[in-house]
């Protein structure tokens, strides 16, 4: 299993990923960090775990809106669901580490 080093809200994390996916995870982390910063600017200091929760909900909302917007090929839909499920799992793990101070 490979690892990607990412930074979210100024905190560095080493996240396990499939070999060859390190760069993609880095790109996703930059996008997530940008989204979280935007949320933090809009709502203020609500804590890292809640910021991650709001970001995850916003991403799921975007996915649902994209599904409603038009037909997608089943392959794209499956990949999107898998990507969001993986992201949600990683976000939950990060939130757990933030809450426990690790």
C-alpha atoms as a PDB file:
ATOM      1  CA  UNK A   1       0.000   0.000   0.000  1.00  0.00           C
ATOM      2  CA  UNK A   2       1.336   3.424  -0.956  1.00  0.00           C
ATOM      3  CA  UNK A   3       1.035   6.596   1.112  1.00  0.00           C
ATOM      4  CA  UNK A   4       0.269  10.165   0.146  1.00  0.00           C
ATOM      5  CA  UNK A   5       1.327  13.086   2.293  1.00  0.00           C
ATOM      6  CA  UNK A   6      -1.398  15.718   2.329  1.00  0.00           C
ATOM      7  CA  UNK A   7      -2.128  18.896   4.253  1.00  0.00           C
ATOM      8  CA  UNK A   8      -5.581  19.952   5.383  1.00  0.00           C
ATOM      9  CA  UNK A   9      -6.017  23.192   7.317  1.00  0.00           C
ATOM     10  CA  UNK A  10      -2.296  23.365   7.967  1.00  0.00           C
ATOM     11  CA  UNK A  11      -2.081  19.866   9.438  1.00  0.00           C
ATOM     12  CA  UNK A  12      -0.049  17.216   7.675  1.00  0.00           C
ATOM     13  CA  UNK A  13      -1.413  13.720   7.218  1.00  0.00           C
ATOM     14  CA  UNK A  14      -0.006  10.571   5.690  1.00  0.00           C
ATOM     15  CA  UNK A  15      -2.855   8.680   4.033  1.00  0.00           C
ATOM     16  CA  UNK A  16      -2.724   5.136   2.685  1.00  0.00           C
ATOM     17  CA  UNK A  17      -3.783   4.730  -0.927  1.00  0.00           C
ATOM     18  CA  UNK A  18      -3.448   2.398  -3.880  1.00  0.00           C
ATOM     19  CA  UNK A  19      -0.057   2.483  -5.614  1.00  0.00           C
ATOM     20  CA  UNK A  20       0.025   5.178  -8.274  1.00  0.00           C
ATOM     21  CA  UNK A  21      -2.786   7.182  -6.678  1.00  0.00           C
ATOM     22  CA  UNK A  22      -0.566   9.446  -4.570  1.00  0.00           C
ATOM     23  CA  UNK A  23      -0.702  12.408  -6.967  1.00  0.00           C
ATOM     24  CA  UNK A  24      -4.468  12.106  -7.426  1.00  0.00           C
ATOM     25  CA  UNK A  25      -4.975  12.042  -3.670  1.00  0.00           C
ATOM     26  CA  UNK A  26      -2.784  15.150  -3.427  1.00  0.00           C
ATOM     27  CA  UNK A  27      -5.005  16.947  -5.950  1.00  0.00           C
ATOM     28  CA  UNK A  28      -8.123  15.894  -4.054  1.00  0.00           C
ATOM     29  CA  UNK A  29      -6.601  17.074  -0.782  1.00  0.00           C
ATOM     30  CA  UNK A  30      -5.869  20.511  -2.260  1.00  0.00           C
ATOM     31  CA  UNK A  31      -9.503  20.754  -3.395  1.00  0.00           C
ATOM     32  CA  UNK A  32     -10.774  19.585  -0.001  1.00  0.00           C
ATOM     33  CA  UNK A  33      -8.529  22.063   1.794  1.00  0.00           C
ATOM     34  CA  UNK A  34      -9.836  24.870  -0.449  1.00  0.00           C
ATOM     35  CA  UNK A  35     -13.422  23.874   0.273  1.00  0.00           C
ATOM     36  CA  UNK A  36     -12.831  23.647   4.013  1.00  0.00           C
ATOM     37  CA  UNK A  37     -11.159  27.070   4.008  1.00  0.00           C
ATOM     38  CA  UNK A  38     -14.185  28.502   2.221  1.00  0.00           C
ATOM     39  CA  UNK A  39     -16.556  26.932   4.712  1.00  0.00           C
ATOM     40  CA  UNK A  40     -14.456  28.183   7.630  1.00  0.00           C
ATOM     41  CA  UNK A  41     -14.529  31.700   6.170  1.00  0.00           C
ATOM     42  CA  UNK A  42     -18.303  31.529   5.843  1.00  0.00           C
ATOM     43  CA  UNK A  43     -19.222  30.010   9.216  1.00  0.00           C
ATOM     44  CA  UNK A  44     -16.278  30.825  11.471  1.00  0.00           C
ATOM     45  CA  UNK A  45     -14.463  28.579  13.897  1.00  0.00           C
ATOM     46  CA  UNK A  46     -16.646  25.507  14.409  1.00  0.00           C
ATOM     47  CA  UNK A  47     -13.832  23.004  14.922  1.00  0.00           C
ATOM     48  CA  UNK A  48     -11.982  20.784  12.486  1.00  0.00           C
ATOM     49  CA  UNK A  49     -14.249  17.760  12.813  1.00  0.00           C
ATOM     50  CA  UNK A  50     -17.350  19.802  12.014  1.00  0.00           C
ATOM     51  CA  UNK A  51     -15.615  21.534   9.123  1.00  0.00           C
ATOM     52  CA  UNK A  52     -14.781  18.126   7.656  1.00  0.00           C
ATOM     53  CA  UNK A  53     -18.354  16.979   8.206  1.00  0.00           C
ATOM     54  CA  UNK A  54     -19.784  20.033   6.437  1.00  0.00           C
ATOM     55  CA  UNK A  55     -17.303  19.579   3.557  1.00  0.00           C
ATOM     56  CA  UNK A  56     -18.290  15.907   3.192  1.00  0.00           C
ATOM     57  CA  UNK A  57     -21.980  16.819   3.162  1.00  0.00           C
ATOM     58  CA  UNK A  58     -21.346  19.539   0.565  1.00  0.00           C
ATOM     59  CA  UNK A  59     -19.525  17.047  -1.667  1.00  0.00           C
ATOM     60  CA  UNK A  60     -22.360  14.538  -1.368  1.00  0.00           C
ATOM     61  CA  UNK A  61     -24.828  17.309  -2.192  1.00  0.00           C
ATOM     62  CA  UNK A  62     -22.825  18.118  -5.327  1.00  0.00           C
ATOM     63  CA  UNK A  63     -22.834  14.455  -6.325  1.00  0.00           C
ATOM     64  CA  UNK A  64     -26.591  14.213  -5.901  1.00  0.00           C
ATOM     65  CA  UNK A  65     -27.109  17.431  -7.899  1.00  0.00           C
ATOM     66  CA  UNK A  66     -24.907  16.056 -10.675  1.00  0.00           C
ATOM     67  CA  UNK A  67     -26.978  12.864 -10.732  1.00  0.00           C
ATOM     68  CA  UNK A  68     -30.184  14.879 -11.048  1.00  0.00           C
ATOM     69  CA  UNK A  69     -28.689  17.124 -13.761  1.00  0.00           C
ATOM     70  CA  UNK A  70     -28.510  14.459 -16.370  1.00  0.00           C
ATOM     71  CA  UNK A  71     -27.825  10.907 -17.252  1.00  0.00           C
ATOM     72  CA  UNK A  72     -24.427   9.582 -16.451  1.00  0.00           C
ATOM     73  CA  UNK A  73     -22.965   6.376 -17.665  1.00  0.00           C
ATOM     74  CA  UNK A  74     -23.146   3.656 -15.027  1.00  0.00           C
ATOM     75  CA  UNK A  75     -19.346   3.395 -15.020  1.00  0.00           C
ATOM     76  CA  UNK A  76     -18.927   7.077 -14.170  1.00  0.00           C
ATOM     77  CA  UNK A  77     -21.604   6.873 -11.495  1.00  0.00           C
ATOM     78  CA  UNK A  78     -19.986   3.834  -9.906  1.00  0.00           C
ATOM     79  CA  UNK A  79     -16.585   5.524  -9.925  1.00  0.00           C
ATOM     80  CA  UNK A  80     -18.059   8.676  -8.401  1.00  0.00           C
ATOM     81  CA  UNK A  81     -19.757   6.713  -5.634  1.00  0.00           C
ATOM     82  CA  UNK A  82     -16.560   4.776  -4.948  1.00  0.00           C
ATOM     83  CA  UNK A  83     -14.514   7.998  -4.856  1.00  0.00           C
ATOM     84  CA  UNK A  84     -16.936   9.685  -2.477  1.00  0.00           C
ATOM     85  CA  UNK A  85     -17.135   6.604  -0.279  1.00  0.00           C
ATOM     86  CA  UNK A  86     -13.342   6.475  -0.095  1.00  0.00           C
ATOM     87  CA  UNK A  87     -13.192  10.213   0.602  1.00  0.00           C
ATOM     88  CA  UNK A  88     -15.807   9.906   3.337  1.00  0.00           C
ATOM     89  CA  UNK A  89     -13.831   7.075   4.929  1.00  0.00           C
ATOM     90  CA  UNK A  90     -10.644   9.147   4.852  1.00  0.00           C
ATOM     91  CA  UNK A  91     -12.479  12.213   6.193  1.00  0.00           C
ATOM     92  CA  UNK A  92     -13.923  10.173   9.054  1.00  0.00           C
ATOM     93  CA  UNK A  93     -10.455   8.822   9.890  1.00  0.00           C
ATOM     94  CA  UNK A  94      -8.992  12.335   9.857  1.00  0.00           C
ATOM     95  CA  UNK A  95     -11.850  13.608  12.018  1.00  0.00           C
ATOM     96  CA  UNK A  96     -11.235  10.779  14.500  1.00  0.00           C
ATOM     97  CA  UNK A  97      -7.543  11.673  14.658  1.00  0.00           C
ATOM     98  CA  UNK A  98      -8.376  15.362  15.116  1.00  0.00           C
ATOM     99  CA  UNK A  99     -10.814  14.609  17.917  1.00  0.00           C
ATOM    100  CA  UNK A 100      -8.353  12.339  19.719  1.00  0.00           C
ATOM    101  CA  UNK A 101      -5.442  14.727  19.182  1.00  0.00           C
ATOM    102  CA  UNK A 102      -3.288  12.308  17.184  1.00  0.00           C
END
